[in-house]
PDB file of N, CA and C in Angstrom:
ATOM      1  N   MET A   1      18.273   8.300  -2.312  1.00  0.00           N
ATOM      2  CA  MET A   1      18.023   7.659  -1.037  1.00  0.00           C
ATOM      3  C   MET A   1      18.045   6.149  -1.235  1.00  0.00           C
ATOM      4  N   GLU A   2      18.676   5.445  -0.362  1.00  0.00           N
ATOM      5  CA  GLU A   2      18.786   3.992  -0.456  1.00  0.00           C
ATOM      6  C   GLU A   2      17.454   3.338  -0.104  1.00  0.00           C
ATOM      7  N   ASN A   3      17.069   2.334  -0.875  1.00  0.00           N
ATOM      8  CA  ASN A   3      15.784   1.669  -0.664  1.00  0.00           C
ATOM      9  C   ASN A   3      15.923   0.448   0.241  1.00  0.00           C
ATOM     10  N   ASN A   4      16.517   0.622   1.411  1.00  0.00           N
ATOM     11  CA  ASN A   4      16.581  -0.477   2.362  1.00  0.00           C
ATOM     12  C   ASN A   4      15.226  -0.595   3.059  1.00  0.00           C
ATOM     13  N   ASN A   5      15.014  -1.657   3.761  1.00  0.00           N
ATOM     14  CA  ASN A   5      13.786  -1.925   4.510  1.00  0.00           C
ATOM     15  C   ASN A   5      12.582  -2.250   3.641  1.00  0.00           C
ATOM     16  N   LEU A   6      12.743  -2.319   2.324  1.00  0.00           N
ATOM     17  CA  LEU A   6      11.605  -2.640   1.459  1.00  0.00           C
ATOM     18  C   LEU A   6      11.175  -4.096   1.607  1.00  0.00           C
ATOM     19  N   GLU A   7      12.096  -4.961   2.070  1.00  0.00           N
ATOM     20  CA  GLU A   7      11.752  -6.377   2.226  1.00  0.00           C
ATOM     21  C   GLU A   7      10.620  -6.579   3.227  1.00  0.00           C
ATOM     22  N   VAL A   8      10.396  -5.628   4.109  1.00  0.00           N
ATOM     23  CA  VAL A   8       9.300  -5.703   5.078  1.00  0.00           C
ATOM     24  C   VAL A   8       7.941  -5.687   4.355  1.00  0.00           C
ATOM     25  N   LEU A   9       7.900  -5.163   3.145  1.00  0.00           N
ATOM     26  CA  LEU A   9       6.663  -5.068   2.370  1.00  0.00           C
ATOM     27  C   LEU A   9       6.495  -6.207   1.364  1.00  0.00           C
ATOM     28  N   ALA A  10       7.558  -6.942   1.081  1.00  0.00           N
ATOM     29  CA  ALA A  10       7.567  -7.941   0.008  1.00  0.00           C
ATOM     30  C   ALA A  10       6.455  -8.969   0.154  1.00  0.00           C
ATOM     31  N   ASN A  11       5.739  -9.194  -0.955  1.00  0.00           N
ATOM     32  CA  ASN A  11       4.691 -10.214  -1.052  1.00  0.00           C
ATOM     33  C   ASN A  11       3.579 -10.064  -0.015  1.00  0.00           C
ATOM     34  N   ARG A  12       3.260  -8.851   0.368  1.00  0.00           N
ATOM     35  CA  ARG A  12       2.192  -8.620   1.340  1.00  0.00           C
ATOM     36  C   ARG A  12       1.035  -7.891   0.659  1.00  0.00           C
ATOM     37  N   THR A  13      -0.180  -8.150   1.159  1.00  0.00           N
ATOM     38  CA  THR A  13      -1.382  -7.523   0.630  1.00  0.00           C
ATOM     39  C   THR A  13      -2.147  -6.890   1.786  1.00  0.00           C
ATOM     40  N   PHE A  14      -2.564  -5.647   1.588  1.00  0.00           N
ATOM     41  CA  PHE A  14      -3.291  -4.894   2.605  1.00  0.00           C
ATOM     42  C   PHE A  14      -4.588  -4.380   1.997  1.00  0.00           C
ATOM     43  N   GLN A  15      -5.625  -4.245   2.845  1.00  0.00           N
ATOM     44  CA  GLN A  15      -6.925  -3.848   2.325  1.00  0.00           C
ATOM     45  C   GLN A  15      -7.671  -2.969   3.323  1.00  0.00           C
ATOM     46  N   HIS A  16      -8.471  -2.057   2.775  1.00  0.00           N
ATOM     47  CA  HIS A  16      -9.358  -1.210   3.578  1.00  0.00           C
ATOM     48  C   HIS A  16     -10.724  -1.185   2.913  1.00  0.00           C
ATOM     49  N   ILE A  17     -11.781  -1.386   3.697  1.00  0.00           N
ATOM     50  CA  ILE A  17     -13.149  -1.279   3.207  1.00  0.00           C
ATOM     51  C   ILE A  17     -13.834  -0.206   4.035  1.00  0.00           C
ATOM     52  N   ASN A  18     -14.335   0.841   3.371  1.00  0.00           N
ATOM     53  CA  ASN A  18     -14.962   1.924   4.128  1.00  0.00           C
ATOM     54  C   ASN A  18     -16.437   1.634   4.408  1.00  0.00           C
ATOM     55  N   PHE A  19     -17.119   2.567   5.051  1.00  0.00           N
ATOM     56  CA  PHE A  19     -18.482   2.347   5.528  1.00  0.00           C
ATOM     57  C   PHE A  19     -19.517   2.171   4.403  1.00  0.00           C
ATOM     58  N   VAL A  20     -19.237   2.600   3.179  1.00  0.00           N
ATOM     59  CA  VAL A  20     -20.168   2.392   2.068  1.00  0.00           C
ATOM     60  C   VAL A  20     -19.787   1.179   1.219  1.00  0.00           C
ATOM     61  N   GLY A  21     -18.739   0.467   1.606  1.00  0.00           N
ATOM     62  CA  GLY A  21     -18.351  -0.751   0.912  1.00  0.00           C
ATOM     63  C   GLY A  21     -17.292  -0.584  -0.154  1.00  0.00           C
ATOM     64  N   SER A  22     -16.747   0.611  -0.300  1.00  0.00           N
ATOM     65  CA  SER A  22     -15.666   0.838  -1.258  1.00  0.00           C
ATOM     66  C   SER A  22     -14.405   0.153  -0.741  1.00  0.00           C
ATOM     67  N   LYS A  23     -13.757  -0.633  -1.605  1.00  0.00           N
ATOM     68  CA  LYS A  23     -12.602  -1.429  -1.186  1.00  0.00           C
ATOM     69  C   LYS A  23     -11.329  -0.938  -1.873  1.00  0.00           C
ATOM     70  N   THR A  24     -10.261  -0.791  -1.076  1.00  0.00           N
ATOM     71  CA  THR A  24      -8.938  -0.436  -1.591  1.00  0.00           C
ATOM     72  C   THR A  24      -7.974  -1.553  -1.205  1.00  0.00           C
ATOM     73  N   THR A  25      -7.204  -2.042  -2.193  1.00  0.00           N
ATOM     74  CA  THR A  25      -6.248  -3.123  -1.952  1.00  0.00           C
ATOM     75  C   THR A  25      -4.871  -2.704  -2.438  1.00  0.00           C
ATOM     76  N   TRP A  26      -3.868  -2.894  -1.580  1.00  0.00           N
ATOM     77  CA  TRP A  26      -2.467  -2.648  -1.923  1.00  0.00           C
ATOM     78  C   TRP A  26      -1.759  -3.992  -1.939  1.00  0.00           C
ATOM     79  N   LYS A  27      -1.178  -4.386  -3.078  1.00  0.00           N
ATOM     80  CA  LYS A  27      -0.457  -5.656  -3.196  1.00  0.00           C
ATOM     81  C   LYS A  27       0.980  -5.358  -3.621  1.00  0.00           C
ATOM     82  N   PHE A  28       1.940  -5.710  -2.758  1.00  0.00           N
ATOM     83  CA  PHE A  28       3.355  -5.438  -2.998  1.00  0.00           C
ATOM     84  C   PHE A  28       3.998  -6.578  -3.780  1.00  0.00           C
ATOM     85  N   ASN A  29       5.012  -6.242  -4.601  1.00  0.00           N
ATOM     86  CA  ASN A  29       5.697  -7.242  -5.418  1.00  0.00           C
ATOM     87  C   ASN A  29       6.705  -8.045  -4.587  1.00  0.00           C
ATOM     88  N   ASP A  30       7.503  -8.888  -5.261  1.00  0.00           N
ATOM     89  CA  ASP A  30       8.414  -9.822  -4.595  1.00  0.00           C
ATOM     90  C   ASP A  30       9.498  -9.173  -3.748  1.00  0.00           C
ATOM     91  N   ASP A  31       9.910  -7.954  -4.079  1.00  0.00           N
ATOM     92  CA  ASP A  31      10.958  -7.311  -3.270  1.00  0.00           C
ATOM     93  C   ASP A  31      10.475  -6.044  -2.560  1.00  0.00           C
ATOM     94  N   GLY A  32       9.182  -5.745  -2.646  1.00  0.00           N
ATOM     95  CA  GLY A  32       8.618  -4.597  -1.938  1.00  0.00           C
ATOM     96  C   GLY A  32       8.868  -3.262  -2.608  1.00  0.00           C
ATOM     97  N   SER A  33       9.453  -3.280  -3.802  1.00  0.00           N
ATOM     98  CA  SER A  33       9.799  -2.018  -4.462  1.00  0.00           C
ATOM     99  C   SER A  33       8.639  -1.397  -5.243  1.00  0.00           C
ATOM    100  N   LYS A  34       7.568  -2.163  -5.457  1.00  0.00           N
ATOM    101  CA  LYS A  34       6.400  -1.659  -6.179  1.00  0.00           C
ATOM    102  C   LYS A  34       5.128  -2.165  -5.501  1.00  0.00           C
ATOM    103  N   VAL A  35       4.090  -1.357  -5.597  1.00  0.00           N
ATOM    104  CA  VAL A  35       2.786  -1.747  -5.066  1.00  0.00           C
ATOM    105  C   VAL A  35       1.729  -1.524  -6.139  1.00  0.00           C
ATOM    106  N   ASN A  36       0.847  -2.523  -6.293  1.00  0.00           N
ATOM    107  CA  ASN A  36      -0.285  -2.385  -7.193  1.00  0.00           C
ATOM    108  C   ASN A  36      -1.475  -1.965  -6.338  1.00  0.00           C
ATOM    109  N   VAL A  37      -2.049  -0.806  -6.651  1.00  0.00           N
ATOM    110  CA  VAL A  37      -3.180  -0.265  -5.902  1.00  0.00           C
ATOM    111  C   VAL A  37      -4.434  -0.431  -6.738  1.00  0.00           C
ATOM    112  N   LYS A  38      -5.420  -1.113  -6.146  1.00  0.00           N
ATOM    113  CA  LYS A  38      -6.719  -1.274  -6.790  1.00  0.00           C
ATOM    114  C   LYS A  38      -7.785  -0.757  -5.841  1.00  0.00           C
ATOM    115  N   ALA A  39      -8.747  -0.049  -6.396  1.00  0.00           N
ATOM    116  CA  ALA A  39      -9.853   0.452  -5.590  1.00  0.00           C
ATOM    117  C   ALA A  39     -11.118   0.392  -6.422  1.00  0.00           C
ATOM    118  N   GLY A  40     -12.231   0.159  -5.749  1.00  0.00           N
ATOM    119  CA  GLY A  40     -13.488   0.110  -6.461  1.00  0.00           C
ATOM    120  C   GLY A  40     -14.657  -0.055  -5.522  1.00  0.00           C
ATOM    121  N   TRP A  41     -15.824  -0.069  -6.146  1.00  0.00           N
ATOM    122  CA  TRP A  41     -17.060  -0.186  -5.391  1.00  0.00           C
ATOM    123  C   TRP A  41     -18.050  -0.982  -6.213  1.00  0.00           C
ATOM    124  N   LEU A  42     -18.792  -1.863  -5.600  1.00  0.00           N
ATOM    125  CA  LEU A  42     -19.779  -2.721  -6.255  1.00  0.00           C
ATOM    126  C   LEU A  42     -19.165  -3.566  -7.374  1.00  0.00           C
ATOM    127  N   GLY A  43     -17.937  -3.997  -7.182  1.00  0.00           N
ATOM    128  CA  GLY A  43     -17.271  -4.848  -8.151  1.00  0.00           C
ATOM    129  C   GLY A  43     -16.688  -4.125  -9.349  1.00  0.00           C
ATOM    130  N   ILE A  44     -16.758  -2.800  -9.353  1.00  0.00           N
ATOM    131  CA  ILE A  44     -16.224  -2.012 -10.468  1.00  0.00           C
ATOM    132  C   ILE A  44     -14.916  -1.371 -10.022  1.00  0.00           C
ATOM    133  N   ASN A  45     -13.802  -1.739 -10.670  1.00  0.00           N
ATOM    134  CA  ASN A  45     -12.511  -1.133 -10.334  1.00  0.00           C
ATOM    135  C   ASN A  45     -12.431   0.259 -10.932  1.00  0.00           C
ATOM    136  N   THR A  46     -12.185   1.252 -10.074  1.00  0.00           N
ATOM    137  CA  THR A  46     -12.038   2.629 -10.542  1.00  0.00           C
ATOM    138  C   THR A  46     -10.579   3.061 -10.550  1.00  0.00           C
ATOM    139  N   VAL A  47      -9.737   2.338  -9.801  1.00  0.00           N
ATOM    140  CA  VAL A  47      -8.304   2.623  -9.748  1.00  0.00           C
ATOM    141  C   VAL A  47      -7.564   1.314  -9.919  1.00  0.00           C
ATOM    142  N   ASN A  48      -6.536   1.319 -10.763  1.00  0.00           N
ATOM    143  CA  ASN A  48      -5.664   0.162 -10.925  1.00  0.00           C
ATOM    144  C   ASN A  48      -4.325   0.700 -11.414  1.00  0.00           C
ATOM    145  N   SER A  49      -3.408   0.927 -10.483  1.00  0.00           N
ATOM    146  CA  SER A  49      -2.112   1.483 -10.874  1.00  0.00           C
ATOM    147  C   SER A  49      -0.985   0.856 -10.064  1.00  0.00           C
ATOM    148  N   THR A  50       0.207   0.872 -10.649  1.00  0.00           N
ATOM    149  CA  THR A  50       1.398   0.364  -9.985  1.00  0.00           C
ATOM    150  C   THR A  50       2.291   1.545  -9.649  1.00  0.00           C
ATOM    151  N   ILE A  51       2.752   1.578  -8.404  1.00  0.00           N
ATOM    152  CA  ILE A  51       3.518   2.711  -7.885  1.00  0.00           C
ATOM    153  C   ILE A  51       4.847   2.217  -7.339  1.00  0.00           C
ATOM    154  N   ILE A  52       5.924   2.928  -7.632  1.00  0.00           N
ATOM    155  CA  ILE A  52       7.246   2.619  -7.093  1.00  0.00           C
ATOM    156  C   ILE A  52       7.301   3.081  -5.637  1.00  0.00           C
ATOM    157  N   VAL A  53       7.892   2.244  -4.777  1.00  0.00           N
ATOM    158  CA  VAL A  53       7.962   2.523  -3.344  1.00  0.00           C
ATOM    159  C   VAL A  53       9.388   2.861  -2.956  1.00  0.00           C
ATOM    160  N   GLU A  54       9.543   3.860  -2.100  1.00  0.00           N
ATOM    161  CA  GLU A  54      10.854   4.283  -1.601  1.00  0.00           C
ATOM    162  C   GLU A  54      10.822   4.265  -0.071  1.00  0.00           C
ATOM    163  N   SER A  55      11.863   3.708   0.543  1.00  0.00           N
ATOM    164  CA  SER A  55      11.967   3.688   2.000  1.00  0.00           C
ATOM    165  C   SER A  55      12.518   5.014   2.501  1.00  0.00           C
ATOM    166  N   LEU A  56      11.875   5.555   3.534  1.00  0.00           N
ATOM    167  CA  LEU A  56      12.354   6.776   4.184  1.00  0.00           C
ATOM    168  C   LEU A  56      13.047   6.448   5.508  1.00  0.00           C
ATOM    169  N   GLY A  57      13.088   5.151   5.869  1.00  0.00           N
ATOM    170  CA  GLY A  57      13.688   4.704   7.119  1.00  0.00           C
ATOM    171  C   GLY A  57      12.681   4.702   8.249  1.00  0.00           C
ATOM    172  N   ASP A  58      12.987   4.011   9.317  1.00  0.00           N
ATOM    173  CA  ASP A  58      12.141   3.927  10.519  1.00  0.00           C
ATOM    174  C   ASP A  58      10.721   3.453  10.231  1.00  0.00           C
ATOM    175  N   GLY A  59      10.552   2.525   9.276  1.00  0.00           N
ATOM    176  CA  GLY A  59       9.226   1.991   8.974  1.00  0.00           C
ATOM    177  C   GLY A  59       8.338   2.923   8.185  1.00  0.00           C
ATOM    178  N   LYS A  60       8.903   3.994   7.655  1.00  0.00           N
ATOM    179  CA  LYS A  60       8.143   4.952   6.852  1.00  0.00           C
ATOM    180  C   LYS A  60       8.542   4.822   5.389  1.00  0.00           C
ATOM    181  N   PHE A  61       7.571   4.979   4.517  1.00  0.00           N
ATOM    182  CA  PHE A  61       7.777   4.798   3.089  1.00  0.00           C
ATOM    183  C   PHE A  61       7.060   5.893   2.314  1.00  0.00           C
ATOM    184  N   ARG A  62       7.401   5.971   1.018  1.00  0.00           N
ATOM    185  CA  ARG A  62       6.750   6.936   0.145  1.00  0.00           C
ATOM    186  C   ARG A  62       6.518   6.279  -1.202  1.00  0.00           C
ATOM    187  N   GLY A  63       5.307   6.449  -1.706  1.00  0.00           N
ATOM    188  CA  GLY A  63       4.994   6.019  -3.059  1.00  0.00           C
ATOM    189  C   GLY A  63       5.364   7.145  -4.001  1.00  0.00           C
ATOM    190  N   LYS A  64       6.180   6.826  -5.011  1.00  0.00           N
ATOM    191  CA  LYS A  64       6.623   7.847  -5.953  1.00  0.00           C
ATOM    192  C   LYS A  64       5.750   7.798  -7.202  1.00  0.00           C
ATOM    193  N   GLY A  65       5.110   8.896  -7.498  1.00  0.00           N
ATOM    194  CA  GLY A  65       4.238   8.961  -8.666  1.00  0.00           C
ATOM    195  C   GLY A  65       3.704  10.357  -8.823  1.00  0.00           C
ATOM    196  N   PHE A  66       2.536  10.451  -9.443  1.00  0.00           N
ATOM    197  CA  PHE A  66       1.905  11.748  -9.691  1.00  0.00           C
ATOM    198  C   PHE A  66       1.701  12.502  -8.376  1.00  0.00           C
ATOM    199  N   ILE A  67       1.205  11.786  -7.376  1.00  0.00           N
ATOM    200  CA  ILE A  67       1.070  12.346  -6.030  1.00  0.00           C
ATOM    201  C   ILE A  67       1.930  11.492  -5.112  1.00  0.00           C
ATOM    202  N   SER A  68       2.835  12.106  -4.376  1.00  0.00           N
ATOM    203  CA  SER A  68       3.739  11.388  -3.488  1.00  0.00           C
ATOM    204  C   SER A  68       3.014  11.071  -2.183  1.00  0.00           C
ATOM    205  N   GLN A  69       2.621   9.814  -1.994  1.00  0.00           N
ATOM    206  CA  GLN A  69       1.874   9.387  -0.815  1.00  0.00           C
ATOM    207  C   GLN A  69       2.818   8.774   0.217  1.00  0.00           C
ATOM    208  N   LYS A  70       2.840   9.325   1.422  1.00  0.00           N
ATOM    209  CA  LYS A  70       3.641   8.753   2.504  1.00  0.00           C
ATOM    210  C   LYS A  70       2.780   7.780   3.299  1.00  0.00           C
ATOM    211  N   PHE A  71       3.422   6.680   3.761  1.00  0.00           N
ATOM    212  CA  PHE A  71       2.718   5.710   4.595  1.00  0.00           C
ATOM    213  C   PHE A  71       3.708   5.028   5.516  1.00  0.00           C
ATOM    214  N   SER A  72       3.191   4.390   6.560  1.00  0.00           N
ATOM    215  CA  SER A  72       4.051   3.678   7.500  1.00  0.00           C
ATOM    216  C   SER A  72       3.461   2.307   7.790  1.00  0.00           C
ATOM    217  N   VAL A  73       4.350   1.365   8.128  1.00  0.00           N
ATOM    218  CA  VAL A  73       3.940   0.011   8.478  1.00  0.00           C
ATOM    219  C   VAL A  73       3.908  -0.089   9.997  1.00  0.00           C
ATOM    220  N   GLU A  74       2.771  -0.535  10.521  1.00  0.00           N
ATOM    221  CA  GLU A  74       2.590  -0.701  11.967  1.00  0.00           C
ATOM    222  C   GLU A  74       2.091  -2.120  12.212  1.00  0.00           C
ATOM    223  N   GLY A  75       3.031  -3.054  12.339  1.00  0.00           N
ATOM    224  CA  GLY A  75       2.680  -4.466  12.528  1.00  0.00           C
ATOM    225  C   GLY A  75       2.049  -5.036  11.289  1.00  0.00           C
ATOM    226  N   ASN A  76       0.760  -5.442  11.391  1.00  0.00           N
ATOM    227  CA  ASN A  76       0.073  -6.007  10.232  1.00  0.00           C
ATOM    228  C   ASN A  76      -0.867  -4.989   9.574  1.00  0.00           C
ATOM    229  N   ARG A  77      -0.564  -3.698   9.785  1.00  0.00           N
ATOM    230  CA  ARG A  77      -1.370  -2.636   9.175  1.00  0.00           C
ATOM    231  C   ARG A  77      -0.481  -1.576   8.546  1.00  0.00           C
ATOM    232  N   ILE A  78      -1.042  -0.879   7.576  1.00  0.00           N
ATOM    233  CA  ILE A  78      -0.395   0.279   6.959  1.00  0.00           C
ATOM    234  C   ILE A  78      -1.232   1.497   7.312  1.00  0.00           C
ATOM    235  N   LYS A  79      -0.567   2.555   7.744  1.00  0.00           N
ATOM    236  CA  LYS A  79      -1.245   3.826   7.999  1.00  0.00           C
ATOM    237  C   LYS A  79      -0.894   4.759   6.856  1.00  0.00           C
ATOM    238  N   SER A  80      -1.920   5.180   6.122  1.00  0.00           N
ATOM    239  CA  SER A  80      -1.758   6.084   4.984  1.00  0.00           C
ATOM    240  C   SER A  80      -2.696   7.261   5.208  1.00  0.00           C
ATOM    241  N   GLY A  81      -2.145   8.377   5.664  1.00  0.00           N
ATOM    242  CA  GLY A  81      -2.991   9.504   6.050  1.00  0.00           C
ATOM    243  C   GLY A  81      -3.847   9.079   7.227  1.00  0.00           C
ATOM    244  N   PRO A  82      -5.157   9.338   7.190  1.00  0.00           N
ATOM    245  CA  PRO A  82      -6.030   8.941   8.303  1.00  0.00           C
ATOM    246  C   PRO A  82      -6.544   7.505   8.181  1.00  0.00           C
ATOM    247  N   VAL A  83      -6.165   6.792   7.112  1.00  0.00           N
ATOM    248  CA  VAL A  83      -6.713   5.467   6.825  1.00  0.00           C
ATOM    249  C   VAL A  83      -5.729   4.368   7.212  1.00  0.00           C
ATOM    250  N   TYR A  84      -6.252   3.294   7.777  1.00  0.00           N
ATOM    251  CA  TYR A  84      -5.474   2.091   8.070  1.00  0.00           C
ATOM    252  C   TYR A  84      -5.903   0.979   7.142  1.00  0.00           C
ATOM    253  N   LEU A  85      -4.925   0.333   6.495  1.00  0.00           N
ATOM    254  CA  LEU A  85      -5.184  -0.854   5.689  1.00  0.00           C
ATOM    255  C   LEU A  85      -4.678  -2.049   6.477  1.00  0.00           C
ATOM    256  N   THR A  86      -5.476  -3.093   6.578  1.00  0.00           N
ATOM    257  CA  THR A  86      -5.134  -4.280   7.348  1.00  0.00           C
ATOM    258  C   THR A  86      -4.633  -5.374   6.406  1.00  0.00           C
ATOM    259  N   GLU A  87      -3.584  -6.089   6.857  1.00  0.00           N
ATOM    260  CA  GLU A  87      -3.025  -7.161   6.034  1.00  0.00           C
ATOM    261  C   GLU A  87      -4.038  -8.283   5.890  1.00  0.00           C
ATOM    262  N   ILE A  88      -4.141  -8.813   4.667  1.00  0.00           N
ATOM    263  CA  ILE A  88      -5.006  -9.954   4.403  1.00  0.00           C
ATOM    264  C   ILE A  88      -4.164 -11.091   3.864  1.00  0.00           C
ATOM    265  N   VAL A  89      -4.619 -12.313   4.072  1.00  0.00           N
ATOM    266  CA  VAL A  89      -3.926 -13.498   3.570  1.00  0.00           C
ATOM    267  C   VAL A  89      -4.730 -14.014   2.387  1.00  0.00           C
ATOM    268  N   GLU A  90      -4.036 -14.148   1.260  1.00  0.00           N
ATOM    269  CA  GLU A  90      -4.733 -14.611   0.050  1.00  0.00           C
ATOM    270  C   GLU A  90      -4.604 -16.095  -0.118  1.00  0.00           C
TER     271      GLU A  90
END
């Protein structure tokens, strides 16, 4: 599958903080082909991995790895399952 539309993700950072304060951050690389996912709570990182991203077209994407996670870009937010990550400016 051709990886077009990845430029929409390039150099963008998205974050979600849940009700107990656990924070998840997705930071995309220069061409949008990879995302670094970090998650943690109370300043302790429990997840830190880099995932290859594939475009499925129509603003939908898939992270290729151990578990194939589908997500979509909706303006300045990412919808991943029932969770929305909001774009942040660093």
